[in-house]
């Protein structure tokens, strides 16, 4: 099967955080790229230690255009 190029995941989800999901998937596929989204401001999420440096983040709400731009950014990394 073809590898997954990228995923889009919310940072805060019931049962498992987006960063934990990304870590689990990257254990199987280290080259996986991730775009994190959230309705919470980035600085508030950062205070909880959920997002480190060097991640690509998109604040909700966003337009389809902004989503496409950020996905392109993730894929071009």
PDB file of N, CA and C in Angstrom:
ATOM      1  N   UNK A   1       0.831  -1.207   0.000  1.00  0.00           N
ATOM      2  CA  UNK A   1       0.000   0.000   0.000  1.00  0.00           C
ATOM      3  C   UNK A   1       0.865   1.257   0.000  1.00  0.00           C
ATOM      4  N   UNK A   2       0.327   2.303  -0.579  1.00  0.00           N
ATOM      5  CA  UNK A   2       1.027   3.582  -0.601  1.00  0.00           C
ATOM      6  C   UNK A   2       1.018   4.198   0.785  1.00  0.00           C
ATOM      7  N   UNK A   3       2.124   4.833   1.158  1.00  0.00           N
ATOM      8  CA  UNK A   3       2.146   5.492   2.468  1.00  0.00           C
ATOM      9  C   UNK A   3       1.234   6.722   2.467  1.00  0.00           C
ATOM     10  N   UNK A   4       0.766   7.061   3.644  1.00  0.00           N
ATOM     11  CA  UNK A   4      -0.039   8.275   3.819  1.00  0.00           C
ATOM     12  C   UNK A   4       0.921   9.449   3.835  1.00  0.00           C
ATOM     13  N   UNK A   5       0.650  10.462   3.025  1.00  0.00           N
ATOM     14  CA  UNK A   5       1.535  11.623   2.945  1.00  0.00           C
ATOM     15  C   UNK A   5       1.349  12.549   4.138  1.00  0.00           C
ATOM     16  N   UNK A   6       0.091  12.772   4.538  1.00  0.00           N
ATOM     17  CA  UNK A   6      -0.178  13.733   5.603  1.00  0.00           C
ATOM     18  C   UNK A   6      -1.543  13.454   6.219  1.00  0.00           C
ATOM     19  N   UNK A   7      -1.692  13.920   7.460  1.00  0.00           N
ATOM     20  CA  UNK A   7      -2.996  13.869   8.120  1.00  0.00           C
ATOM     21  C   UNK A   7      -3.321  15.258   8.660  1.00  0.00           C
ATOM     22  N   UNK A   8      -4.610  15.496   8.822  1.00  0.00           N
ATOM     23  CA  UNK A   8      -5.108  16.696   9.487  1.00  0.00           C
ATOM     24  C   UNK A   8      -5.839  16.192  10.721  1.00  0.00           C
ATOM     25  N   UNK A   9      -5.429  16.680  11.896  1.00  0.00           N
ATOM     26  CA  UNK A   9      -6.058  16.223  13.130  1.00  0.00           C
ATOM     27  C   UNK A   9      -6.265  17.387  14.088  1.00  0.00           C
ATOM     28  N   UNK A  10      -7.341  17.312  14.829  1.00  0.00           N
ATOM     29  CA  UNK A  10      -7.578  18.298  15.877  1.00  0.00           C
ATOM     30  C   UNK A  10      -6.576  18.029  17.003  1.00  0.00           C
ATOM     31  N   UNK A  11      -6.212  19.059  17.711  1.00  0.00           N
ATOM     32  CA  UNK A  11      -5.267  18.910  18.809  1.00  0.00           C
ATOM     33  C   UNK A  11      -5.924  18.209  19.988  1.00  0.00           C
ATOM     34  N   UNK A  12      -7.124  18.653  20.329  1.00  0.00           N
ATOM     35  CA  UNK A  12      -7.827  18.123  21.498  1.00  0.00           C
ATOM     36  C   UNK A  12      -9.016  17.294  21.023  1.00  0.00           C
ATOM     37  N   UNK A  13      -8.970  15.991  21.347  1.00  0.00           N
ATOM     38  CA  UNK A  13     -10.036  15.071  20.954  1.00  0.00           C
ATOM     39  C   UNK A  13     -10.359  14.190  22.157  1.00  0.00           C
ATOM     40  N   UNK A  14     -11.559  13.616  22.180  1.00  0.00           N
ATOM     41  CA  UNK A  14     -11.870  12.703  23.280  1.00  0.00           C
ATOM     42  C   UNK A  14     -11.061  11.413  23.165  1.00  0.00           C
ATOM     43  N   UNK A  15     -10.495  10.980  24.262  1.00  0.00           N
ATOM     44  CA  UNK A  15      -9.793   9.708  24.282  1.00  0.00           C
ATOM     45  C   UNK A  15      -8.323   9.769  23.933  1.00  0.00           C
ATOM     46  N   UNK A  16      -7.944  10.599  22.987  1.00  0.00           N
ATOM     47  CA  UNK A  16      -6.551  10.684  22.572  1.00  0.00           C
ATOM     48  C   UNK A  16      -6.310  12.055  21.948  1.00  0.00           C
ATOM     49  N   UNK A  17      -5.192  12.660  22.279  1.00  0.00           N
ATOM     50  CA  UNK A  17      -4.894  13.970  21.705  1.00  0.00           C
ATOM     51  C   UNK A  17      -4.365  13.814  20.287  1.00  0.00           C
ATOM     52  N   UNK A  18      -4.471  14.863  19.511  1.00  0.00           N
ATOM     53  CA  UNK A  18      -3.913  14.860  18.164  1.00  0.00           C
ATOM     54  C   UNK A  18      -2.416  14.576  18.158  1.00  0.00           C
ATOM     55  N   UNK A  19      -1.634  15.211  19.054  1.00  0.00           N
ATOM     56  CA  UNK A  19      -0.205  14.895  19.099  1.00  0.00           C
ATOM     57  C   UNK A  19       0.075  13.422  19.421  1.00  0.00           C
ATOM     58  N   UNK A  20      -0.720  12.807  20.299  1.00  0.00           N
ATOM     59  CA  UNK A  20      -0.532  11.384  20.607  1.00  0.00           C
ATOM     60  C   UNK A  20      -0.860  10.527  19.385  1.00  0.00           C
ATOM     61  N   UNK A  21      -1.907  10.891  18.671  1.00  0.00           N
ATOM     62  CA  UNK A  21      -2.257  10.190  17.437  1.00  0.00           C
ATOM     63  C   UNK A  21      -1.115  10.297  16.432  1.00  0.00           C
ATOM     64  N   UNK A  22      -0.597  11.509  16.249  1.00  0.00           N
ATOM     65  CA  UNK A  22       0.502  11.722  15.306  1.00  0.00           C
ATOM     66  C   UNK A  22       1.731  10.897  15.698  1.00  0.00           C
ATOM     67  N   UNK A  23       2.044  10.865  16.982  1.00  0.00           N
ATOM     68  CA  UNK A  23       3.191  10.079  17.448  1.00  0.00           C
ATOM     69  C   UNK A  23       3.002   8.589  17.148  1.00  0.00           C
ATOM     70  N   UNK A  24       1.801   8.091  17.388  1.00  0.00           N
ATOM     71  CA  UNK A  24       1.524   6.674  17.135  1.00  0.00           C
ATOM     72  C   UNK A  24       1.642   6.350  15.650  1.00  0.00           C
ATOM     73  N   UNK A  25       1.125   7.225  14.807  1.00  0.00           N
ATOM     74  CA  UNK A  25       1.203   6.990  13.370  1.00  0.00           C
ATOM     75  C   UNK A  25       2.633   7.137  12.855  1.00  0.00           C
ATOM     76  N   UNK A  26       3.370   8.088  13.411  1.00  0.00           N
ATOM     77  CA  UNK A  26       4.766   8.280  12.997  1.00  0.00           C
ATOM     78  C   UNK A  26       5.659   7.124  13.443  1.00  0.00           C
ATOM     79  N   UNK A  27       5.249   6.388  14.459  1.00  0.00           N
ATOM     80  CA  UNK A  27       6.005   5.196  14.853  1.00  0.00           C
ATOM     81  C   UNK A  27       5.985   4.166  13.728  1.00  0.00           C
ATOM     82  N   UNK A  28       4.905   4.136  12.978  1.00  0.00           N
ATOM     83  CA  UNK A  28       4.770   3.230  11.842  1.00  0.00           C
ATOM     84  C   UNK A  28       5.314   3.844  10.556  1.00  0.00           C
ATOM     85  N   UNK A  29       5.192   5.157  10.451  1.00  0.00           N
ATOM     86  CA  UNK A  29       5.613   5.859   9.229  1.00  0.00           C
ATOM     87  C   UNK A  29       6.265   7.191   9.623  1.00  0.00           C
ATOM     88  N   UNK A  30       7.557   7.198   9.870  1.00  0.00           N
ATOM     89  CA  UNK A  30       8.245   8.392  10.362  1.00  0.00           C
ATOM     90  C   UNK A  30       8.153   9.625   9.450  1.00  0.00           C
ATOM     91  N   UNK A  31       7.934   9.418   8.176  1.00  0.00           N
ATOM     92  CA  UNK A  31       7.878  10.552   7.248  1.00  0.00           C
ATOM     93  C   UNK A  31       6.515  11.232   7.204  1.00  0.00           C
ATOM     94  N   UNK A  32       5.549  10.738   7.961  1.00  0.00           N
ATOM     95  CA  UNK A  32       4.202  11.301   7.966  1.00  0.00           C
ATOM     96  C   UNK A  32       4.235  12.760   8.380  1.00  0.00           C
ATOM     97  N   UNK A  33       3.544  13.587   7.626  1.00  0.00           N
ATOM     98  CA  UNK A  33       3.438  15.017   7.947  1.00  0.00           C
ATOM     99  C   UNK A  33       2.074  15.268   8.570  1.00  0.00           C
ATOM    100  N   UNK A  34       2.028  16.276   9.466  1.00  0.00           N
ATOM    101  CA  UNK A  34       0.806  16.503  10.241  1.00  0.00           C
ATOM    102  C   UNK A  34       0.459  17.984  10.269  1.00  0.00           C
ATOM    103  N   UNK A  35      -0.818  18.262  10.050  1.00  0.00           N
ATOM    104  CA  UNK A  35      -1.374  19.597  10.248  1.00  0.00           C
ATOM    105  C   UNK A  35      -2.315  19.500  11.432  1.00  0.00           C
ATOM    106  N   UNK A  36      -2.034  20.277  12.465  1.00  0.00           N
ATOM    107  CA  UNK A  36      -2.893  20.316  13.640  1.00  0.00           C
ATOM    108  C   UNK A  36      -3.859  21.482  13.532  1.00  0.00           C
ATOM    109  N   UNK A  37      -5.119  21.251  13.914  1.00  0.00           N
ATOM    110  CA  UNK A  37      -6.125  22.310  13.938  1.00  0.00           C
ATOM    111  C   UNK A  37      -6.751  22.339  15.326  1.00  0.00           C
ATOM    112  N   UNK A  38      -7.268  23.507  15.704  1.00  0.00           N
ATOM    113  CA  UNK A  38      -7.961  23.618  16.977  1.00  0.00           C
ATOM    114  C   UNK A  38      -8.761  24.900  17.041  1.00  0.00           C
ATOM    115  N   UNK A  39      -9.812  24.842  17.824  1.00  0.00           N
ATOM    116  CA  UNK A  39     -10.585  26.039  18.120  1.00  0.00           C
ATOM    117  C   UNK A  39      -9.979  26.835  19.265  1.00  0.00           C
ATOM    118  N   UNK A  40      -9.029  26.219  19.969  1.00  0.00           N
ATOM    119  CA  UNK A  40      -8.327  26.911  21.051  1.00  0.00           C
ATOM    120  C   UNK A  40      -7.145  27.679  20.468  1.00  0.00           C
ATOM    121  N   UNK A  41      -6.838  28.845  21.029  1.00  0.00           N
ATOM    122  CA  UNK A  41      -5.664  29.589  20.554  1.00  0.00           C
ATOM    123  C   UNK A  41      -4.380  28.794  20.775  1.00  0.00           C
ATOM    124  N   UNK A  42      -3.426  28.959  19.878  1.00  0.00           N
ATOM    125  CA  UNK A  42      -2.168  28.217  19.946  1.00  0.00           C
ATOM    126  C   UNK A  42      -1.449  28.419  21.279  1.00  0.00           C
ATOM    127  N   UNK A  43      -1.446  29.657  21.797  1.00  0.00           N
ATOM    128  CA  UNK A  43      -0.741  29.899  23.057  1.00  0.00           C
ATOM    129  C   UNK A  43      -1.399  29.160  24.217  1.00  0.00           C
ATOM    130  N   UNK A  44      -2.701  29.026  24.197  1.00  0.00           N
ATOM    131  CA  UNK A  44      -3.396  28.285  25.265  1.00  0.00           C
ATOM    132  C   UNK A  44      -3.081  26.794  25.187  1.00  0.00           C
ATOM    133  N   UNK A  45      -3.036  26.258  23.973  1.00  0.00           N
ATOM    134  CA  UNK A  45      -2.679  24.850  23.798  1.00  0.00           C
ATOM    135  C   UNK A  45      -1.229  24.634  24.211  1.00  0.00           C
ATOM    136  N   UNK A  46      -0.369  25.594  23.867  1.00  0.00           N
ATOM    137  CA  UNK A  46       1.042  25.501  24.231  1.00  0.00           C
ATOM    138  C   UNK A  46       1.243  25.460  25.733  1.00  0.00           C
ATOM    139  N   UNK A  47       0.401  26.199  26.459  1.00  0.00           N
ATOM    140  CA  UNK A  47       0.485  26.195  27.922  1.00  0.00           C
ATOM    141  C   UNK A  47       0.211  24.803  28.487  1.00  0.00           C
ATOM    142  N   UNK A  48      -0.589  24.017  27.780  1.00  0.00           N
ATOM    143  CA  UNK A  48      -0.918  22.661  28.223  1.00  0.00           C
ATOM    144  C   UNK A  48       0.134  21.645  27.768  1.00  0.00           C
ATOM    145  N   UNK A  49       1.127  22.121  27.024  1.00  0.00           N
ATOM    146  CA  UNK A  49       2.205  21.247  26.577  1.00  0.00           C
ATOM    147  C   UNK A  49       1.819  20.309  25.449  1.00  0.00           C
ATOM    148  N   UNK A  50       0.755  20.637  24.712  1.00  0.00           N
ATOM    149  CA  UNK A  50       0.298  19.741  23.653  1.00  0.00           C
ATOM    150  C   UNK A  50       1.015  19.962  22.321  1.00  0.00           C
ATOM    151  N   UNK A  51       1.540  21.155  22.107  1.00  0.00           N
ATOM    152  CA  UNK A  51       2.198  21.432  20.836  1.00  0.00           C
ATOM    153  C   UNK A  51       3.604  21.946  21.068  1.00  0.00           C
ATOM    154  N   UNK A  52       4.544  21.360  20.406  1.00  0.00           N
ATOM    155  CA  UNK A  52       5.930  21.793  20.503  1.00  0.00           C
ATOM    156  C   UNK A  52       6.290  22.745  19.382  1.00  0.00           C
ATOM    157  N   UNK A  53       7.552  23.080  19.306  1.00  0.00           N
ATOM    158  CA  UNK A  53       8.046  23.944  18.249  1.00  0.00           C
ATOM    159  C   UNK A  53       8.074  23.190  16.923  1.00  0.00           C
ATOM    160  N   UNK A  54       7.962  23.927  15.851  1.00  0.00           N
ATOM    161  CA  UNK A  54       8.105  23.338  14.531  1.00  0.00           C
ATOM    162  C   UNK A  54       6.884  22.618  13.997  1.00  0.00           C
ATOM    163  N   UNK A  55       5.745  22.761  14.661  1.00  0.00           N
ATOM    164  CA  UNK A  55       4.535  22.124  14.151  1.00  0.00           C
ATOM    165  C   UNK A  55       3.780  23.112  13.269  1.00  0.00           C
ATOM    166  N   UNK A  56       2.963  22.590  12.395  1.00  0.00           N
ATOM    167  CA  UNK A  56       2.112  23.437  11.552  1.00  0.00           C
ATOM    168  C   UNK A  56       0.721  23.416  12.175  1.00  0.00           C
ATOM    169  N   UNK A  57       0.199  24.599  12.439  1.00  0.00           N
ATOM    170  CA  UNK A  57      -1.054  24.752  13.175  1.00  0.00           C
ATOM    171  C   UNK A  57      -1.993  25.668  12.408  1.00  0.00           C
ATOM    172  N   UNK A  58      -3.279  25.338  12.428  1.00  0.00           N
ATOM    173  CA  UNK A  58      -4.299  26.169  11.804  1.00  0.00           C
ATOM    174  C   UNK A  58      -5.416  26.394  12.811  1.00  0.00           C
ATOM    175  N   UNK A  59      -5.686  27.653  13.089  1.00  0.00           N
ATOM    176  CA  UNK A  59      -6.717  28.045  14.052  1.00  0.00           C
ATOM    177  C   UNK A  59      -8.097  27.949  13.417  1.00  0.00           C
ATOM    178  N   UNK A  60      -9.047  27.329  14.122  1.00  0.00           N
ATOM    179  CA  UNK A  60     -10.450  27.326  13.701  1.00  0.00           C
ATOM    180  C   UNK A  60     -11.078  28.643  14.110  1.00  0.00           C
ATOM    181  N   UNK A  61     -12.074  29.115  13.447  1.00  0.00           N
ATOM    182  CA  UNK A  61     -12.558  28.611  12.166  1.00  0.00           C
ATOM    183  C   UNK A  61     -11.611  29.037  11.037  1.00  0.00           C
ATOM    184  N   UNK A  62     -11.604  28.289   9.978  1.00  0.00           N
ATOM    185  CA  UNK A  62     -10.778  28.615   8.825  1.00  0.00           C
ATOM    186  C   UNK A  62     -11.591  28.396   7.555  1.00  0.00           C
ATOM    187  N   UNK A  63     -11.153  29.031   6.501  1.00  0.00           N
ATOM    188  CA  UNK A  63     -11.824  28.884   5.213  1.00  0.00           C
ATOM    189  C   UNK A  63     -11.229  27.687   4.472  1.00  0.00           C
ATOM    190  N   UNK A  64     -11.953  27.173   3.509  1.00  0.00           N
ATOM    191  CA  UNK A  64     -11.375  26.099   2.692  1.00  0.00           C
ATOM    192  C   UNK A  64     -10.041  26.512   2.061  1.00  0.00           C
ATOM    193  N   UNK A  65      -9.942  27.746   1.654  1.00  0.00           N
ATOM    194  CA  UNK A  65      -8.697  28.221   1.046  1.00  0.00           C
ATOM    195  C   UNK A  65      -7.531  28.148   2.038  1.00  0.00           C
ATOM    196  N   UNK A  66      -7.760  28.603   3.272  1.00  0.00           N
ATOM    197  CA  UNK A  66      -6.701  28.543   4.278  1.00  0.00           C
ATOM    198  C   UNK A  66      -6.300  27.093   4.572  1.00  0.00           C
ATOM    199  N   UNK A  67      -7.284  26.196   4.596  1.00  0.00           N
ATOM    200  CA  UNK A  67      -6.976  24.784   4.824  1.00  0.00           C
ATOM    201  C   UNK A  67      -6.086  24.244   3.705  1.00  0.00           C
ATOM    202  N   UNK A  68      -6.459  24.526   2.478  1.00  0.00           N
ATOM    203  CA  UNK A  68      -5.665  24.056   1.339  1.00  0.00           C
ATOM    204  C   UNK A  68      -4.251  24.623   1.388  1.00  0.00           C
ATOM    205  N   UNK A  69      -4.126  25.907   1.729  1.00  0.00           N
ATOM    206  CA  UNK A  69      -2.800  26.531   1.814  1.00  0.00           C
ATOM    207  C   UNK A  69      -1.936  25.857   2.870  1.00  0.00           C
ATOM    208  N   UNK A  70      -2.517  25.564   4.015  1.00  0.00           N
ATOM    209  CA  UNK A  70      -1.740  24.937   5.096  1.00  0.00           C
ATOM    210  C   UNK A  70      -1.396  23.484   4.769  1.00  0.00           C
ATOM    211  N   UNK A  71      -2.318  22.766   4.144  1.00  0.00           N
ATOM    212  CA  UNK A  71      -2.007  21.396   3.732  1.00  0.00           C
ATOM    213  C   UNK A  71      -0.856  21.411   2.730  1.00  0.00           C
ATOM    214  N   UNK A  72      -0.895  22.349   1.798  1.00  0.00           N
ATOM    215  CA  UNK A  72       0.201  22.471   0.831  1.00  0.00           C
ATOM    216  C   UNK A  72       1.515  22.743   1.539  1.00  0.00           C
ATOM    217  N   UNK A  73       1.477  23.621   2.555  1.00  0.00           N
ATOM    218  CA  UNK A  73       2.673  23.934   3.343  1.00  0.00           C
ATOM    219  C   UNK A  73       3.218  22.676   4.011  1.00  0.00           C
ATOM    220  N   UNK A  74       2.331  21.870   4.580  1.00  0.00           N
ATOM    221  CA  UNK A  74       2.742  20.632   5.237  1.00  0.00           C
ATOM    222  C   UNK A  74       3.379  19.680   4.232  1.00  0.00           C
ATOM    223  N   UNK A  75       2.757  19.541   3.077  1.00  0.00           N
ATOM    224  CA  UNK A  75       3.283  18.625   2.068  1.00  0.00           C
ATOM    225  C   UNK A  75       4.618  19.086   1.488  1.00  0.00           C
ATOM    226  N   UNK A  76       4.827  20.392   1.462  1.00  0.00           N
ATOM    227  CA  UNK A  76       6.058  20.946   0.906  1.00  0.00           C
ATOM    228  C   UNK A  76       7.220  20.978   1.896  1.00  0.00           C
ATOM    229  N   UNK A  77       6.970  20.652   3.159  1.00  0.00           N
ATOM    230  CA  UNK A  77       8.028  20.684   4.174  1.00  0.00           C
ATOM    231  C   UNK A  77       9.202  19.818   3.780  1.00  0.00           C
TER     232      UNK A  77
END
